[in-house]
Amino acid sequence: MVEFRNIVKDTPVTNWWSNGHQQIAFCRGNKGFIAFTNWGDLDKNLQTCLSPGTYCDIISGNLINRKCTGKIITVRENGTTHISLPANAEDGVMATHINAKLE
């Protein structure tokens, strides 16, 4: 998360989403996207600020030699992605940024 912070610093919070029940997601400028659940399953298509492509979830893994050791996040042409964070997930968060893009 230190790298995430360094990449998105000085960028505004955009595309804020909340279900009103301890689930949120938002962008930082056009450089990063993060989603949290602290209650219940989060299973939703959400708008990101990222360009279309495949990204590494930096919470569940690392980007090593342009390969992700964790979950993959796919951003569609319209900028949306499907987020699936189960209520019983150990961390309840996913995050990615422009430097975690695989393609």
C-alpha atoms as a PDB file:
ATOM      1  CA  MET A   1       0.000   0.000   0.000  1.00  0.00           C
ATOM      2  CA  VAL A   2       2.985   2.321   0.338  1.00  0.00           C
ATOM      3  CA  GLU A   3       3.504   2.127  -3.420  1.00  0.00           C
ATOM      4  CA  PHE A   4      -0.220   2.811  -3.967  1.00  0.00           C
ATOM      5  CA  ARG A   5       0.012   5.894  -1.781  1.00  0.00           C
ATOM      6  CA  ASN A   6       3.124   7.144  -3.558  1.00  0.00           C
ATOM      7  CA  ILE A   7       1.528   6.694  -6.984  1.00  0.00           C
ATOM      8  CA  VAL A   8      -1.804   8.348  -6.164  1.00  0.00           C
ATOM      9  CA  LYS A   9      -0.559  11.157  -3.916  1.00  0.00           C
ATOM     10  CA  ASP A  10      -1.813  14.607  -4.835  1.00  0.00           C
ATOM     11  CA  THR A  11      -4.749  13.159  -6.819  1.00  0.00           C
ATOM     12  CA  PRO A  12      -8.389  13.757  -5.906  1.00  0.00           C
ATOM     13  CA  VAL A  13     -10.866  11.126  -4.766  1.00  0.00           C
ATOM     14  CA  THR A  14     -13.213  10.423  -7.689  1.00  0.00           C
ATOM     15  CA  ASN A  15     -15.887   7.887  -8.645  1.00  0.00           C
ATOM     16  CA  TRP A  16     -16.920   7.479  -5.003  1.00  0.00           C
ATOM     17  CA  TRP A  17     -19.342   4.586  -4.434  1.00  0.00           C
ATOM     18  CA  SER A  18     -20.912   3.395  -1.188  1.00  0.00           C
ATOM     19  CA  ASN A  19     -23.773   1.025  -0.504  1.00  0.00           C
ATOM     20  CA  GLY A  20     -24.351   2.733   2.845  1.00  0.00           C
ATOM     21  CA  HIS A  21     -23.472  -0.443   4.749  1.00  0.00           C
ATOM     22  CA  GLN A  22     -19.694  -0.400   5.230  1.00  0.00           C
ATOM     23  CA  GLN A  23     -18.791  -1.037   1.588  1.00  0.00           C
ATOM     24  CA  ILE A  24     -16.974   1.626  -0.415  1.00  0.00           C
ATOM     25  CA  ALA A  25     -14.926   2.006  -3.569  1.00  0.00           C
ATOM     26  CA  PHE A  26     -13.214   4.991  -5.122  1.00  0.00           C
ATOM     27  CA  CYS A  27     -10.517   6.196  -7.465  1.00  0.00           C
ATOM     28  CA  ARG A  28      -7.603   8.446  -6.822  1.00  0.00           C
ATOM     29  CA  GLY A  29      -7.387  10.603  -9.927  1.00  0.00           C
ATOM     30  CA  ASN A  30      -6.780   8.348 -12.903  1.00  0.00           C
ATOM     31  CA  LYS A  31      -3.987   6.502 -11.121  1.00  0.00           C
ATOM     32  CA  GLY A  32      -5.528   4.070  -8.624  1.00  0.00           C
ATOM     33  CA  PHE A  33      -8.692   2.236  -7.603  1.00  0.00           C
ATOM     34  CA  ILE A  34      -9.571   0.633  -4.268  1.00  0.00           C
ATOM     35  CA  ALA A  35     -12.611  -1.194  -2.844  1.00  0.00           C
ATOM     36  CA  PHE A  36     -13.417  -2.236   0.738  1.00  0.00           C
ATOM     37  CA  THR A  37     -16.034  -4.336   2.465  1.00  0.00           C
ATOM     38  CA  ASN A  38     -16.410  -4.472   6.208  1.00  0.00           C
ATOM     39  CA  TRP A  39     -19.816  -6.128   6.171  1.00  0.00           C
ATOM     40  CA  GLY A  40     -21.345  -8.650   3.772  1.00  0.00           C
ATOM     41  CA  ASP A  41     -20.323  -9.773   0.316  1.00  0.00           C
ATOM     42  CA  LEU A  42     -19.336  -7.077  -2.155  1.00  0.00           C
ATOM     43  CA  ASP A  43     -20.249  -8.400  -5.608  1.00  0.00           C
ATOM     44  CA  LYS A  44     -20.796  -5.532  -8.016  1.00  0.00           C
ATOM     45  CA  ASN A  45     -19.740  -3.899 -11.262  1.00  0.00           C
ATOM     46  CA  LEU A  46     -18.114  -0.584 -10.381  1.00  0.00           C
ATOM     47  CA  GLN A  47     -16.754   2.359 -12.342  1.00  0.00           C
ATOM     48  CA  THR A  48     -12.995   2.808 -12.162  1.00  0.00           C
ATOM     49  CA  CYS A  49     -10.786   5.634 -13.364  1.00  0.00           C
ATOM     50  CA  LEU A  50      -8.289   3.277 -14.995  1.00  0.00           C
ATOM     51  CA  SER A  51      -7.711   2.615 -18.668  1.00  0.00           C
ATOM     52  CA  PRO A  52      -8.980  -0.715 -20.022  1.00  0.00           C
ATOM     53  CA  GLY A  53      -6.732  -3.690 -19.385  1.00  0.00           C
ATOM     54  CA  THR A  54      -5.635  -6.257 -16.860  1.00  0.00           C
ATOM     55  CA  TYR A  55      -4.252  -5.217 -13.484  1.00  0.00           C
ATOM     56  CA  CYS A  56      -2.750  -6.985 -10.484  1.00  0.00           C
ATOM     57  CA  ASP A  57      -4.573  -6.684  -7.158  1.00  0.00           C
ATOM     58  CA  ILE A  58      -1.725  -5.386  -5.015  1.00  0.00           C
ATOM     59  CA  ILE A  59      -3.429  -6.546  -1.814  1.00  0.00           C
ATOM     60  CA  SER A  60      -3.557 -10.255  -2.689  1.00  0.00           C
ATOM     61  CA  GLY A  61      -0.278 -10.387  -4.588  1.00  0.00           C
ATOM     62  CA  ASN A  62       2.637  -8.645  -6.207  1.00  0.00           C
ATOM     63  CA  LEU A  63       3.671  -7.823  -9.737  1.00  0.00           C
ATOM     64  CA  ILE A  64       6.848  -9.795 -10.421  1.00  0.00           C
ATOM     65  CA  ASN A  65       8.398  -9.882 -13.906  1.00  0.00           C
ATOM     66  CA  ARG A  66       5.108  -8.502 -15.303  1.00  0.00           C
ATOM     67  CA  LYS A  67       3.182 -11.425 -13.760  1.00  0.00           C
ATOM     68  CA  CYS A  68       0.701 -11.134 -10.905  1.00  0.00           C
ATOM     69  CA  THR A  69       1.007 -13.476  -7.923  1.00  0.00           C
ATOM     70  CA  GLY A  70      -2.485 -12.547  -6.700  1.00  0.00           C
ATOM     71  CA  LYS A  71      -5.946 -11.804  -8.037  1.00  0.00           C
ATOM     72  CA  ILE A  72      -6.450 -10.229 -11.445  1.00  0.00           C
ATOM     73  CA  ILE A  73      -8.615  -7.145 -11.997  1.00  0.00           C
ATOM     74  CA  THR A  74      -9.976  -6.631 -15.513  1.00  0.00           C
ATOM     75  CA  VAL A  75     -11.056  -3.130 -16.485  1.00  0.00           C
ATOM     76  CA  ARG A  76     -13.455  -3.141 -19.431  1.00  0.00           C
ATOM     77  CA  GLU A  77     -13.530  -0.685 -22.349  1.00  0.00           C
ATOM     78  CA  ASN A  78     -16.157   1.394 -20.507  1.00  0.00           C
ATOM     79  CA  GLY A  79     -13.916   1.653 -17.421  1.00  0.00           C
ATOM     80  CA  THR A  80     -15.918  -0.728 -15.233  1.00  0.00           C
ATOM     81  CA  THR A  81     -14.700  -3.784 -13.380  1.00  0.00           C
ATOM     82  CA  HIS A  82     -16.433  -6.551 -11.458  1.00  0.00           C
ATOM     83  CA  ILE A  83     -15.528  -6.599  -7.765  1.00  0.00           C
ATOM     84  CA  SER A  84     -16.088  -9.758  -5.758  1.00  0.00           C
ATOM     85  CA  LEU A  85     -15.016  -9.538  -2.120  1.00  0.00           C
ATOM     86  CA  PRO A  86     -16.633 -12.187   0.091  1.00  0.00           C
ATOM     87  CA  ALA A  87     -17.709 -11.202   3.592  1.00  0.00           C
ATOM     88  CA  ASN A  88     -15.366 -13.805   5.018  1.00  0.00           C
ATOM     89  CA  ALA A  89     -12.353 -12.593   3.018  1.00  0.00           C
ATOM     90  CA  GLU A  90      -9.329 -12.191   5.244  1.00  0.00           C
ATOM     91  CA  ASP A  91      -8.573  -8.666   4.116  1.00  0.00           C
ATOM     92  CA  GLY A  92     -11.873  -7.399   2.646  1.00  0.00           C
ATOM     93  CA  VAL A  93     -10.040  -5.034   0.317  1.00  0.00           C
ATOM     94  CA  MET A  94      -8.637  -4.936  -3.197  1.00  0.00           C
ATOM     95  CA  ALA A  95      -6.533  -2.231  -4.804  1.00  0.00           C
ATOM     96  CA  THR A  96      -4.643  -1.557  -7.988  1.00  0.00           C
ATOM     97  CA  HIS A  97      -2.851   1.295  -9.727  1.00  0.00           C
ATOM     98  CA  ILE A  98      -1.376   2.275 -13.065  1.00  0.00           C
ATOM     99  CA  ASN A  99       1.992   0.633 -12.338  1.00  0.00           C
ATOM    100  CA  ALA A 100       0.264  -2.721 -11.670  1.00  0.00           C
ATOM    101  CA  LYS A 101      -1.095  -2.974 -15.217  1.00  0.00           C
ATOM    102  CA  LEU A 102      -0.235  -6.276 -16.876  1.00  0.00           C
ATOM    103  CA  GLU A 103      -1.136  -5.350 -20.455  1.00  0.00           C
END
